[in-house]
N, C-alpha and C. Protein backbone atom coordinates (compact mmCIF):
# COMPACT_ATOMS: atom_id res chain seq x y z
N MET A 1 -15.34 20.90 22.04
CA MET A 1 -14.51 20.33 22.70
C MET A 1 -15.65 18.57 22.30
N LYS A 2 -17.28 18.71 22.10
CA LYS A 2 -18.14 18.00 21.50
C LYS A 2 -17.48 17.47 19.81
N ILE A 3 -17.31 19.06 19.08
CA ILE A 3 -16.85 18.90 18.24
C ILE A 3 -16.08 17.55 17.44
N MET A 4 -14.62 17.86 18.57
CA MET A 4 -13.59 17.62 18.16
C MET A 4 -13.61 15.30 18.60
N TYR A 5 -14.18 15.15 19.42
CA TYR A 5 -14.73 13.93 19.25
C TYR A 5 -15.24 13.65 17.82
N ILE A 6 -16.45 14.72 17.95
CA ILE A 6 -16.88 14.09 16.32
C ILE A 6 -16.27 14.04 15.54
N ALA A 7 -15.39 15.02 15.01
CA ALA A 7 -14.22 14.48 14.05
C ALA A 7 -13.35 13.23 14.52
N ILE A 8 -13.05 12.78 15.72
CA ILE A 8 -12.08 11.85 15.67
C ILE A 8 -13.08 10.71 14.63
N ALA A 9 -14.46 10.82 15.90
CA ALA A 9 -15.39 9.52 15.89
C ALA A 9 -15.05 9.35 14.16
N PHE A 10 -15.57 10.02 13.07
CA PHE A 10 -15.72 10.33 11.69
C PHE A 10 -14.00 10.07 10.75
N PHE A 11 -13.41 10.32 11.94
CA PHE A 11 -12.46 9.97 11.26
C PHE A 11 -11.38 8.32 11.40
N LEU A 12 -12.10 8.17 12.55
CA LEU A 12 -11.73 6.02 12.87
C LEU A 12 -12.74 5.06 11.76
N VAL A 13 -14.30 5.83 12.34
CA VAL A 13 -15.03 5.27 11.06
C VAL A 13 -14.49 5.35 9.79
N GLY A 14 -14.40 5.94 9.20
CA GLY A 14 -13.13 6.19 7.50
C GLY A 14 -12.04 5.50 7.46
N LEU A 15 -11.14 5.07 8.34
CA LEU A 15 -10.00 4.41 8.62
C LEU A 15 -10.90 3.08 8.81
N LEU A 16 -11.47 3.08 9.31
CA LEU A 16 -11.99 1.23 9.60
C LEU A 16 -12.63 0.88 8.18
N GLY A 17 -13.07 1.48 7.64
CA GLY A 17 -13.67 1.32 6.27
C GLY A 17 -12.94 1.12 5.29
N TYR A 18 -11.50 2.28 5.62
CA TYR A 18 -10.95 1.92 4.13
C TYR A 18 -10.30 1.16 4.33
N ALA A 19 -9.67 0.63 5.70
CA ALA A 19 -8.70 -1.26 5.20
C ALA A 19 -8.79 -1.85 5.28
N PRO A 20 -10.07 -2.41 5.26
CA PRO A 20 -10.74 -3.98 4.31
C PRO A 20 -11.02 -3.51 2.72
N TYR A 21 -11.12 -2.44 2.53
CA TYR A 21 -11.77 -2.08 1.21
C TYR A 21 -10.50 -1.59 0.27
N LYS A 22 -9.36 -1.30 1.31
CA LYS A 22 -8.07 -1.30 0.38
C LYS A 22 -7.70 -2.95 0.40
N ALA A 23 -7.85 -3.38 1.10
CA ALA A 23 -6.82 -5.13 0.92
C ALA A 23 -7.86 -6.07 0.44
N TYR A 24 -8.94 -5.66 -0.21
CA TYR A 24 -9.94 -6.81 -0.61
C TYR A 24 -10.60 -5.75 -2.03
N GLY A 25 -10.75 -4.55 -2.09
CA GLY A 25 -10.73 -3.93 -2.94
C GLY A 25 -11.30 -4.69 -4.57
N THR A 26 -10.35 -3.80 -5.22
CA THR A 26 -9.89 -4.50 -6.53
C THR A 26 -9.15 -5.17 -6.79
N ILE A 27 -9.60 -6.77 -7.46
CA ILE A 27 -8.60 -7.49 -7.49
C ILE A 27 -8.68 -7.85 -9.65
N ASP A 28 -7.39 -7.38 -9.89
CA ASP A 28 -7.36 -7.83 -11.22
C ASP A 28 -6.09 -8.67 -11.46
N THR A 29 -6.09 -8.97 -12.58
CA THR A 29 -5.04 -9.91 -13.19
C THR A 29 -4.48 -8.95 -14.42
N VAL A 30 -2.97 -8.65 -14.88
CA VAL A 30 -2.52 -7.91 -15.20
C VAL A 30 -1.32 -8.20 -16.31
N THR A 31 -2.04 -9.04 -17.44
CA THR A 31 -1.15 -9.86 -18.19
C THR A 31 0.12 -9.28 -18.78
N ASN A 32 0.85 -9.78 -19.45
CA ASN A 32 2.17 -9.96 -20.08
C ASN A 32 2.68 -8.63 -20.49
N VAL A 33 3.32 -8.74 -18.82
CA VAL A 33 4.33 -7.29 -18.48
C VAL A 33 5.31 -7.63 -18.42
N VAL A 34 6.40 -6.37 -19.18
CA VAL A 34 7.44 -6.77 -18.69
C VAL A 34 8.26 -5.56 -17.78
N VAL A 35 8.72 -6.36 -16.90
CA VAL A 35 9.73 -5.55 -15.62
C VAL A 35 10.88 -5.31 -16.28
N THR A 36 11.10 -3.02 -16.25
CA THR A 36 11.94 -2.75 -16.77
C THR A 36 12.86 -1.82 -15.62
N GLY A 37 12.38 -2.69 -14.67
CA GLY A 37 13.10 -2.05 -13.37
C GLY A 37 12.88 -2.29 -12.05
N LYS A 38 13.40 -2.05 -10.91
CA LYS A 38 12.82 -2.69 -9.34
C LYS A 38 13.85 -1.95 -8.31
N GLU A 39 13.07 -1.67 -7.66
CA GLU A 39 13.47 -0.32 -6.45
C GLU A 39 13.06 -1.44 -5.41
N ILE A 40 14.20 -0.50 -3.93
CA ILE A 40 13.81 -0.78 -2.44
C ILE A 40 13.34 0.27 -2.57
N LYS A 41 12.29 0.69 -1.26
CA LYS A 41 12.22 1.45 -0.25
C LYS A 41 12.14 1.32 1.20
N ARG A 42 13.34 1.75 1.49
CA ARG A 42 13.98 1.13 2.91
C ARG A 42 13.03 2.18 3.86
N ASN A 43 12.56 0.97 4.84
CA ASN A 43 11.36 2.39 5.99
C ASN A 43 12.37 1.71 7.43
N GLY A 44 12.84 1.71 7.42
CA GLY A 44 14.01 0.78 8.36
C GLY A 44 13.58 0.42 9.84
N GLN A 45 11.90 0.74 9.90
CA GLN A 45 11.16 -0.22 11.18
C GLN A 45 11.24 -1.09 10.53
N THR A 46 9.94 -1.15 9.34
CA THR A 46 9.03 -2.24 9.34
C THR A 46 9.30 -2.96 8.02
N SER A 47 8.25 -3.38 7.29
CA SER A 47 9.24 -4.37 6.30
C SER A 47 9.25 -3.27 5.00
N ASP A 48 10.40 -4.17 4.21
CA ASP A 48 10.12 -3.44 3.06
C ASP A 48 9.41 -2.79 2.11
N ARG A 49 9.24 -2.03 1.69
CA ARG A 49 8.65 -1.48 -0.06
C ARG A 49 9.49 -1.88 -1.42
N TYR A 50 8.76 -2.31 -1.85
CA TYR A 50 9.27 -2.73 -3.02
C TYR A 50 8.78 -2.18 -4.15
N LEU A 51 9.47 -1.50 -4.80
CA LEU A 51 8.90 -1.01 -6.44
C LEU A 51 9.45 -2.15 -7.08
N ILE A 52 7.70 -2.20 -8.10
CA ILE A 52 8.22 -3.29 -9.11
C ILE A 52 7.99 -2.32 -10.53
N ALA A 53 8.45 -1.44 -11.91
CA ALA A 53 8.11 -0.64 -12.87
C ALA A 53 7.84 -2.17 -13.52
N THR A 54 6.95 -1.57 -14.64
CA THR A 54 6.73 -2.46 -16.47
C THR A 54 6.23 -1.57 -16.72
N ARG A 55 6.17 -2.46 -18.32
CA ARG A 55 5.63 -1.77 -19.60
C ARG A 55 4.94 -2.30 -20.24
N THR A 56 3.76 -2.59 -20.73
CA THR A 56 3.35 -3.28 -21.05
C THR A 56 3.13 -3.18 -23.02
N GLN A 57 3.08 -4.21 -23.65
CA GLN A 57 3.12 -4.30 -25.34
C GLN A 57 2.88 -3.18 -26.18
N ASN A 58 1.81 -2.27 -25.19
CA ASN A 58 1.11 -0.70 -26.31
C ASN A 58 1.99 -0.04 -25.41
N GLY A 59 3.07 -0.37 -24.89
CA GLY A 59 4.23 1.03 -24.18
C GLY A 59 3.72 2.24 -23.23
N SER A 60 2.57 1.19 -22.26
CA SER A 60 1.98 2.10 -21.59
C SER A 60 2.86 1.91 -20.37
N VAL A 61 2.80 2.60 -19.48
CA VAL A 61 3.89 2.26 -17.72
C VAL A 61 3.06 2.07 -16.64
N GLU A 62 3.13 1.42 -15.71
CA GLU A 62 2.61 1.51 -14.99
C GLU A 62 3.74 0.82 -13.55
N VAL A 63 3.59 1.16 -12.31
CA VAL A 63 4.50 1.22 -11.16
C VAL A 63 3.91 0.37 -10.89
N PHE A 64 4.43 -1.21 -9.93
CA PHE A 64 3.17 -1.47 -8.79
C PHE A 64 4.27 -1.30 -7.17
N GLU A 65 3.74 -2.31 -6.24
CA GLU A 65 4.92 -2.51 -5.50
C GLU A 65 3.89 -4.04 -5.06
N ASN A 66 5.25 -4.68 -4.00
CA ASN A 66 5.27 -5.76 -4.09
C ASN A 66 5.76 -5.86 -2.35
N THR A 67 4.36 -5.59 -1.28
CA THR A 67 5.20 -5.90 -0.11
C THR A 67 3.36 -6.64 0.81
N ASP A 68 3.68 -6.50 1.98
CA ASP A 68 3.26 -7.87 2.40
C ASP A 68 1.65 -7.56 3.05
N ALA A 69 0.83 -8.29 2.14
CA ALA A 69 -0.67 -7.86 2.34
C ALA A 69 -1.51 -8.97 3.09
N TRP A 70 -1.74 -8.91 4.57
CA TRP A 70 -1.86 -9.82 6.24
C TRP A 70 -3.74 -10.07 5.62
N LEU A 71 -4.09 -9.13 5.33
CA LEU A 71 -5.40 -9.25 4.77
C LEU A 71 -5.53 -10.26 3.18
N ASN A 72 -4.93 -10.22 2.78
CA ASN A 72 -5.58 -11.07 1.21
C ASN A 72 -4.37 -12.45 1.76
N GLY A 73 -3.02 -12.70 2.74
CA GLY A 73 -2.82 -13.51 2.85
C GLY A 73 -1.39 -13.58 2.33
N LYS A 74 -0.70 -12.53 2.02
CA LYS A 74 0.33 -12.54 1.17
C LYS A 74 1.39 -12.26 1.79
N PHE A 75 2.59 -13.13 2.56
CA PHE A 75 3.51 -12.95 3.94
C PHE A 75 4.67 -12.72 3.70
N ALA A 76 5.31 -13.32 2.41
CA ALA A 76 6.86 -13.74 1.45
C ALA A 76 7.02 -12.45 0.24
N SER A 77 6.55 -11.51 0.87
CA SER A 77 7.05 -10.19 -0.29
C SER A 77 8.46 -9.96 -1.08
N SER A 78 8.91 -10.29 0.61
CA SER A 78 10.75 -11.12 0.23
C SER A 78 11.66 -11.93 -0.56
N ASP A 79 10.57 -12.69 -0.82
CA ASP A 79 10.49 -13.35 -1.33
C ASP A 79 10.06 -13.59 -2.81
N MET A 80 9.10 -12.69 -3.20
CA MET A 80 8.42 -12.84 -4.17
C MET A 80 9.73 -11.60 -5.40
N ASN A 81 9.79 -10.97 -4.50
CA ASN A 81 11.03 -9.88 -4.77
C ASN A 81 12.32 -10.68 -5.55
N ALA A 82 12.75 -11.26 -4.83
CA ALA A 82 13.96 -12.28 -5.29
C ALA A 82 13.46 -13.02 -6.90
N ILE A 83 12.59 -13.17 -6.98
CA ILE A 83 11.97 -14.37 -7.99
C ILE A 83 11.86 -13.10 -9.29
N ILE A 84 11.26 -12.10 -9.13
CA ILE A 84 11.19 -11.33 -9.99
C ILE A 84 12.26 -10.50 -10.77
N ALA A 85 12.55 -10.62 -11.77
CA ALA A 85 14.01 -10.11 -12.80
C ALA A 85 13.75 -9.26 -13.50
N GLU A 86 14.34 -8.36 -13.88
CA GLU A 86 14.63 -7.36 -14.55
C GLU A 86 14.72 -7.91 -16.34
N GLY A 87 14.03 -7.30 -17.22
CA GLY A 87 13.23 -8.24 -18.61
C GLY A 87 12.11 -9.44 -18.40
N ASP A 88 12.22 -9.89 -17.23
CA ASP A 88 10.82 -10.91 -17.07
C ASP A 88 9.82 -10.12 -18.34
N MET A 89 8.60 -11.26 -18.42
CA MET A 89 7.96 -11.55 -18.52
C MET A 89 6.45 -11.72 -18.07
N CYS A 90 5.72 -10.99 -17.49
CA CYS A 90 4.78 -11.60 -15.82
C CYS A 90 3.15 -11.42 -16.26
N THR A 91 3.30 -11.81 -15.62
CA THR A 91 1.75 -12.43 -14.92
C THR A 91 1.00 -11.98 -13.59
N PHE A 92 1.03 -10.46 -13.52
CA PHE A 92 0.42 -10.32 -11.86
C PHE A 92 -0.81 -10.63 -11.65
N THR A 93 -0.72 -10.32 -10.39
CA THR A 93 -2.54 -10.79 -9.32
C THR A 93 -2.40 -9.33 -8.61
N VAL A 94 -3.20 -8.46 -8.88
CA VAL A 94 -2.93 -7.32 -8.08
C VAL A 94 -4.01 -6.85 -6.90
N ASN A 95 -4.36 -6.36 -6.54
CA ASN A 95 -5.09 -5.22 -5.97
C ASN A 95 -5.27 -4.08 -4.89
N GLY A 96 -5.90 -3.29 -5.55
CA GLY A 96 -6.09 -1.57 -4.53
C GLY A 96 -5.97 -0.74 -5.93
N TRP A 97 -5.30 0.37 -6.00
CA TRP A 97 -5.81 1.23 -6.74
C TRP A 97 -4.40 2.34 -6.63
N ARG A 98 -4.14 2.72 -8.19
CA ARG A 98 -2.84 4.02 -7.88
C ARG A 98 -3.06 5.12 -7.85
N VAL A 99 -3.11 5.59 -6.54
CA VAL A 99 -3.17 7.57 -6.48
C VAL A 99 -1.93 7.44 -6.35
N PRO A 100 -1.32 8.73 -7.74
CA PRO A 100 -0.46 9.51 -7.69
C PRO A 100 -0.06 10.23 -6.45
N LEU A 101 -1.04 11.53 -5.96
CA LEU A 101 -1.26 11.90 -4.34
C LEU A 101 -0.63 11.17 -3.25
N PHE A 102 -0.96 10.36 -2.98
CA PHE A 102 -0.49 9.66 -2.19
C PHE A 102 0.74 8.94 -2.24
N SER A 103 1.47 8.83 -3.97
CA SER A 103 2.44 7.80 -3.41
C SER A 103 1.62 6.05 -3.71
N MET A 104 0.44 5.68 -4.13
CA MET A 104 -0.35 4.27 -3.73
C MET A 104 -0.14 3.97 -5.33
N TYR A 105 -0.06 2.58 -4.71
CA TYR A 105 0.26 1.80 -5.99
C TYR A 105 -0.30 0.24 -5.71
N ARG A 106 -0.71 -0.42 -6.34
CA ARG A 106 -1.31 -1.31 -7.39
C ARG A 106 -0.03 -2.45 -6.33
N ASN A 107 -0.70 -3.44 -5.12
CA ASN A 107 0.13 -4.25 -4.56
C ASN A 107 0.28 -5.94 -5.17
N ILE A 108 1.28 -5.78 -5.85
CA ILE A 108 0.88 -7.70 -6.58
C ILE A 108 1.14 -7.98 -5.22
N LEU A 109 0.05 -9.85 -5.25
CA LEU A 109 0.28 -10.78 -4.87
C LEU A 109 0.35 -11.79 -5.29
N GLU A 110 0.42 -11.72 -6.13
CA GLU A 110 0.77 -13.22 -6.86
C GLU A 110 1.76 -12.66 -8.24
N THR A 111 2.36 -13.29 -8.88
CA THR A 111 3.22 -13.17 -10.38
C THR A 111 3.31 -14.65 -10.76
N ASP A 112 3.61 -14.66 -11.97
CA ASP A 112 4.19 -15.32 -12.77
C ASP A 112 5.03 -15.21 -13.96
N CYS A 113 6.29 -15.16 -13.30
CA CYS A 113 7.22 -14.60 -15.13
C CYS A 113 8.05 -15.70 -15.77
N SER A 114 8.29 -15.16 -16.43
CA SER A 114 9.12 -16.53 -16.93
C SER A 114 10.23 -15.49 -17.58
N ARG A 115 11.56 -16.23 -17.61
CA ARG A 115 12.83 -14.55 -19.00
C ARG A 115 12.83 -14.93 -20.30
């Protein structure tokens, strides 16, 4: 029984350490990407997850997510998603990491797009 409590304690400490690190981890600026596609992942109970596919000038591709980020002060991901259109040339301020194993994408915090 004692081992179970220790395991739960390690899990909670890891979780509590991960949340701020995910929210404030790495903040980067991604410039001159062309939006090549958009998709909405409906959750049904909480907010939707918007996926934005992009291509850089050198041909590499990356998919970003556009979700609310409370710890970063971003609450209007639906409004941001309405602004971003396929074919736009954008500069994104993003945070987080791309971890394919867990279907994690870098989250768009701010955007500046032109058609």
